[in-house]
Amino acid sequence: MRTFSFLVIVFIFCSSKLKSQEHFLLPDSPAKCYLMKEGKFLREGDSARKWYLVIKKDSQREYTNNGKDYIKYKIEFLDDCTYKATVTGKSDGKNAIRIGDIITNKIIETDHQFIKISSQYFNKTDEIILEKIE
């Protein structure tokens, strides 16, 4: 029984890894960085109720908690694929991010409507995958 449980856990882990890797098998060349200039985006693995992002002109808003909480940013593109986002407002006092904080985002690759981003904040770098839905 233990072997079966272990195999199920390994299968779940491997299938979730495969699912996240299925998008960038044939990435766009060059990356379509213009996809991040405007639109609505979901983070891979999250529903719109949990988290979504809206970019319009030079502003970006991250929404959480079914759209009730937000973080507002002023964005500035440094080049076609890199932009910095400066926090200008937020509704959730529990969130550790502060007004004035700066996050630098670099679009690493795209595959149709999927965008892989490297996000740097306080000397920490994370990669996230977004899907453009609008």
C-alpha atoms as a PDB file:
ATOM      1  CA  MET A   1       0.000   0.000   0.000  1.00  0.00           C
ATOM      2  CA  ARG A   2       2.863   2.374   0.766  1.00  0.00           C
ATOM      3  CA  THR A   3       4.357   1.731  -2.660  1.00  0.00           C
ATOM      4  CA  PHE A   4       1.040   2.548  -4.301  1.00  0.00           C
ATOM      5  CA  SER A   5       0.708   5.810  -2.335  1.00  0.00           C
ATOM      6  CA  PHE A   6       4.262   6.766  -3.239  1.00  0.00           C
ATOM      7  CA  LEU A   7       3.600   6.084  -6.942  1.00  0.00           C
ATOM      8  CA  VAL A   8       0.436   8.190  -6.871  1.00  0.00           C
ATOM      9  CA  ILE A   9       2.326  11.103  -5.304  1.00  0.00           C
ATOM     10  CA  VAL A  10       5.122  10.808  -7.893  1.00  0.00           C
ATOM     11  CA  PHE A  11       2.557  10.669 -10.718  1.00  0.00           C
ATOM     12  CA  ILE A  12       0.751  13.782  -9.464  1.00  0.00           C
ATOM     13  CA  PHE A  13       4.032  15.670  -9.095  1.00  0.00           C
ATOM     14  CA  CYS A  14       5.234  14.664 -12.570  1.00  0.00           C
ATOM     15  CA  SER A  15       1.931  15.469 -14.272  1.00  0.00           C
ATOM     16  CA  SER A  16       1.808  18.917 -12.700  1.00  0.00           C
ATOM     17  CA  LYS A  17       5.378  19.546 -13.922  1.00  0.00           C
ATOM     18  CA  LEU A  18       4.438  18.368 -17.428  1.00  0.00           C
ATOM     19  CA  LYS A  19       1.365  20.577 -17.478  1.00  0.00           C
ATOM     20  CA  SER A  20       3.416  23.663 -16.639  1.00  0.00           C
ATOM     21  CA  GLN A  21       5.997  22.767 -19.277  1.00  0.00           C
ATOM     22  CA  GLU A  22       3.542  22.075 -22.096  1.00  0.00           C
ATOM     23  CA  HIS A  23       3.278  25.739 -23.109  1.00  0.00           C
ATOM     24  CA  PHE A  24       6.866  26.521 -23.990  1.00  0.00           C
ATOM     25  CA  LEU A  25       7.726  23.521 -26.140  1.00  0.00           C
ATOM     26  CA  LEU A  26       7.706  25.732 -29.258  1.00  0.00           C
ATOM     27  CA  PRO A  27       8.155  29.282 -27.936  1.00  0.00           C
ATOM     28  CA  ASP A  28       7.669  32.316 -30.157  1.00  0.00           C
ATOM     29  CA  SER A  29      10.884  33.525 -31.731  1.00  0.00           C
ATOM     30  CA  PRO A  30      11.376  36.336 -30.984  1.00  0.00           C
ATOM     31  CA  ALA A  31       9.225  36.627 -27.865  1.00  0.00           C
ATOM     32  CA  LYS A  32       6.016  38.621 -28.354  1.00  0.00           C
ATOM     33  CA  CYS A  33       6.691  41.073 -25.527  1.00  0.00           C
ATOM     34  CA  TYR A  34       3.972  43.434 -26.788  1.00  0.00           C
ATOM     35  CA  LEU A  35       1.425  41.005 -25.291  1.00  0.00           C
ATOM     36  CA  MET A  36       2.179  42.525 -21.851  1.00  0.00           C
ATOM     37  CA  LYS A  37       1.457  46.112 -22.938  1.00  0.00           C
ATOM     38  CA  GLU A  38      -2.271  45.803 -22.249  1.00  0.00           C
ATOM     39  CA  GLY A  39      -4.820  43.190 -21.233  1.00  0.00           C
ATOM     40  CA  LYS A  40      -6.078  40.865 -18.523  1.00  0.00           C
ATOM     41  CA  PHE A  41      -3.890  38.007 -17.316  1.00  0.00           C
ATOM     42  CA  LEU A  42      -4.266  34.943 -15.099  1.00  0.00           C
ATOM     43  CA  ARG A  43      -1.391  33.291 -13.269  1.00  0.00           C
ATOM     44  CA  GLU A  44      -1.043  29.681 -14.317  1.00  0.00           C
ATOM     45  CA  GLY A  45      -2.706  27.425 -11.775  1.00  0.00           C
ATOM     46  CA  ASP A  46      -4.848  30.195 -10.236  1.00  0.00           C
ATOM     47  CA  SER A  47      -8.457  31.083 -10.904  1.00  0.00           C
ATOM     48  CA  ALA A  48      -9.645  34.643 -11.538  1.00  0.00           C
ATOM     49  CA  ARG A  49     -11.266  34.525  -8.099  1.00  0.00           C
ATOM     50  CA  LYS A  50      -7.892  34.037  -6.441  1.00  0.00           C
ATOM     51  CA  TRP A  51      -5.626  36.324  -8.544  1.00  0.00           C
ATOM     52  CA  TYR A  52      -5.629  38.262 -11.816  1.00  0.00           C
ATOM     53  CA  LEU A  53      -3.746  41.165 -13.351  1.00  0.00           C
ATOM     54  CA  VAL A  54      -4.975  44.032 -15.553  1.00  0.00           C
ATOM     55  CA  ILE A  55      -2.636  46.301 -17.520  1.00  0.00           C
ATOM     56  CA  LYS A  56      -3.890  49.496 -19.180  1.00  0.00           C
ATOM     57  CA  LYS A  57      -1.541  52.094 -20.670  1.00  0.00           C
ATOM     58  CA  ASP A  58       0.994  52.865 -17.942  1.00  0.00           C
ATOM     59  CA  SER A  59      -0.793  51.246 -14.992  1.00  0.00           C
ATOM     60  CA  GLN A  60      -1.127  47.731 -13.656  1.00  0.00           C
ATOM     61  CA  ARG A  61      -3.473  46.340 -11.016  1.00  0.00           C
ATOM     62  CA  GLU A  62      -3.211  42.986  -9.268  1.00  0.00           C
ATOM     63  CA  TYR A  63      -6.528  41.771  -7.904  1.00  0.00           C
ATOM     64  CA  THR A  64      -6.986  39.134  -5.197  1.00  0.00           C
ATOM     65  CA  ASN A  65      -9.788  37.890  -2.969  1.00  0.00           C
ATOM     66  CA  ASN A  66     -12.343  37.717  -5.800  1.00  0.00           C
ATOM     67  CA  GLY A  67     -11.429  41.248  -6.946  1.00  0.00           C
ATOM     68  CA  LYS A  68     -11.986  42.841  -3.527  1.00  0.00           C
ATOM     69  CA  ASP A  69      -8.313  43.597  -2.827  1.00  0.00           C
ATOM     70  CA  TYR A  70      -5.813  45.177  -5.186  1.00  0.00           C
ATOM     71  CA  ILE A  71      -2.306  46.514  -5.572  1.00  0.00           C
ATOM     72  CA  LYS A  72      -1.928  49.390  -8.024  1.00  0.00           C
ATOM     73  CA  TYR A  73       1.325  50.028  -9.902  1.00  0.00           C
ATOM     74  CA  LYS A  74       2.680  52.659 -12.256  1.00  0.00           C
ATOM     75  CA  ILE A  75       4.602  50.830 -14.971  1.00  0.00           C
ATOM     76  CA  GLU A  76       7.429  52.000 -17.156  1.00  0.00           C
ATOM     77  CA  PHE A  77       8.863  49.888 -19.969  1.00  0.00           C
ATOM     78  CA  LEU A  78      12.652  50.036 -19.909  1.00  0.00           C
ATOM     79  CA  ASP A  79      12.865  48.195 -23.237  1.00  0.00           C
ATOM     80  CA  ASP A  80      10.507  46.025 -25.310  1.00  0.00           C
ATOM     81  CA  CYS A  81      10.650  43.113 -22.849  1.00  0.00           C
ATOM     82  CA  THR A  82      11.503  44.686 -19.472  1.00  0.00           C
ATOM     83  CA  TYR A  83       9.410  46.965 -17.285  1.00  0.00           C
ATOM     84  CA  LYS A  84       9.482  48.270 -13.769  1.00  0.00           C
ATOM     85  CA  ALA A  85       6.352  48.474 -11.667  1.00  0.00           C
ATOM     86  CA  THR A  86       6.212  50.981  -8.798  1.00  0.00           C
ATOM     87  CA  VAL A  87       3.538  50.427  -6.134  1.00  0.00           C
ATOM     88  CA  THR A  88       1.256  53.481  -5.970  1.00  0.00           C
ATOM     89  CA  GLY A  89      -1.634  52.108  -3.913  1.00  0.00           C
ATOM     90  CA  LYS A  90      -3.120  49.056  -2.256  1.00  0.00           C
ATOM     91  CA  SER A  91      -6.271  48.051  -0.465  1.00  0.00           C
ATOM     92  CA  ASP A  92      -4.996  45.211   1.732  1.00  0.00           C
ATOM     93  CA  GLY A  93      -3.040  46.363   4.777  1.00  0.00           C
ATOM     94  CA  LYS A  94      -1.887  42.798   5.511  1.00  0.00           C
ATOM     95  CA  ASN A  95       0.134  42.538   2.271  1.00  0.00           C
ATOM     96  CA  ALA A  96       3.863  43.057   2.911  1.00  0.00           C
ATOM     97  CA  ILE A  97       4.383  45.157  -0.212  1.00  0.00           C
ATOM     98  CA  ARG A  98       4.575  48.903   0.453  1.00  0.00           C
ATOM     99  CA  ILE A  99       3.799  52.016  -1.552  1.00  0.00           C
ATOM    100  CA  GLY A 100       6.980  53.022  -3.377  1.00  0.00           C
ATOM    101  CA  ASP A 101       8.332  49.463  -3.709  1.00  0.00           C
ATOM    102  CA  ILE A 102       9.674  48.648  -7.184  1.00  0.00           C
ATOM    103  CA  ILE A 103       9.422  45.304  -8.973  1.00  0.00           C
ATOM    104  CA  THR A 104      11.358  44.692 -12.190  1.00  0.00           C
ATOM    105  CA  ASN A 105       9.732  42.256 -14.622  1.00  0.00           C
ATOM    106  CA  LYS A 106      11.440  40.737 -17.650  1.00  0.00           C
ATOM    107  CA  ILE A 107       9.537  38.762 -20.261  1.00  0.00           C
ATOM    108  CA  ILE A 108      11.637  35.655 -20.857  1.00  0.00           C
ATOM    109  CA  GLU A 109       9.563  33.903 -23.499  1.00  0.00           C
ATOM    110  CA  THR A 110       6.090  33.648 -24.974  1.00  0.00           C
ATOM    111  CA  ASP A 111       4.089  30.839 -26.547  1.00  0.00           C
ATOM    112  CA  HIS A 112       0.862  32.081 -28.138  1.00  0.00           C
ATOM    113  CA  GLN A 113      -1.032  33.673 -25.202  1.00  0.00           C
ATOM    114  CA  PHE A 114       1.293  32.352 -22.483  1.00  0.00           C
ATOM    115  CA  ILE A 115       4.008  34.619 -21.102  1.00  0.00           C
ATOM    116  CA  LYS A 116       6.905  33.561 -18.871  1.00  0.00           C
ATOM    117  CA  ILE A 117       8.159  36.406 -16.688  1.00  0.00           C
ATOM    118  CA  SER A 118      11.143  36.759 -14.391  1.00  0.00           C
ATOM    119  CA  SER A 119      10.146  39.076 -11.565  1.00  0.00           C
ATOM    120  CA  GLN A 120      12.774  40.646  -9.305  1.00  0.00           C
ATOM    121  CA  TYR A 121      11.785  42.142  -5.955  1.00  0.00           C
ATOM    122  CA  PHE A 122      14.090  42.774  -2.956  1.00  0.00           C
ATOM    123  CA  ASN A 123      16.995  40.774  -4.448  1.00  0.00           C
ATOM    124  CA  LYS A 124      14.697  37.771  -4.934  1.00  0.00           C
ATOM    125  CA  THR A 125      13.845  36.490  -8.403  1.00  0.00           C
ATOM    126  CA  ASP A 126      10.762  34.415  -9.214  1.00  0.00           C
ATOM    127  CA  GLU A 127       9.488  33.071 -12.504  1.00  0.00           C
ATOM    128  CA  ILE A 128       5.771  33.070 -13.187  1.00  0.00           C
ATOM    129  CA  ILE A 129       3.678  32.053 -16.159  1.00  0.00           C
ATOM    130  CA  LEU A 130       0.745  34.225 -17.158  1.00  0.00           C
ATOM    131  CA  GLU A 131      -2.015  33.566 -19.652  1.00  0.00           C
ATOM    132  CA  LYS A 132      -3.452  36.535 -21.503  1.00  0.00           C
ATOM    133  CA  ILE A 133      -7.227  36.081 -21.479  1.00  0.00           C
ATOM    134  CA  GLU A 134      -8.367  39.482 -22.820  1.00  0.00           C
END
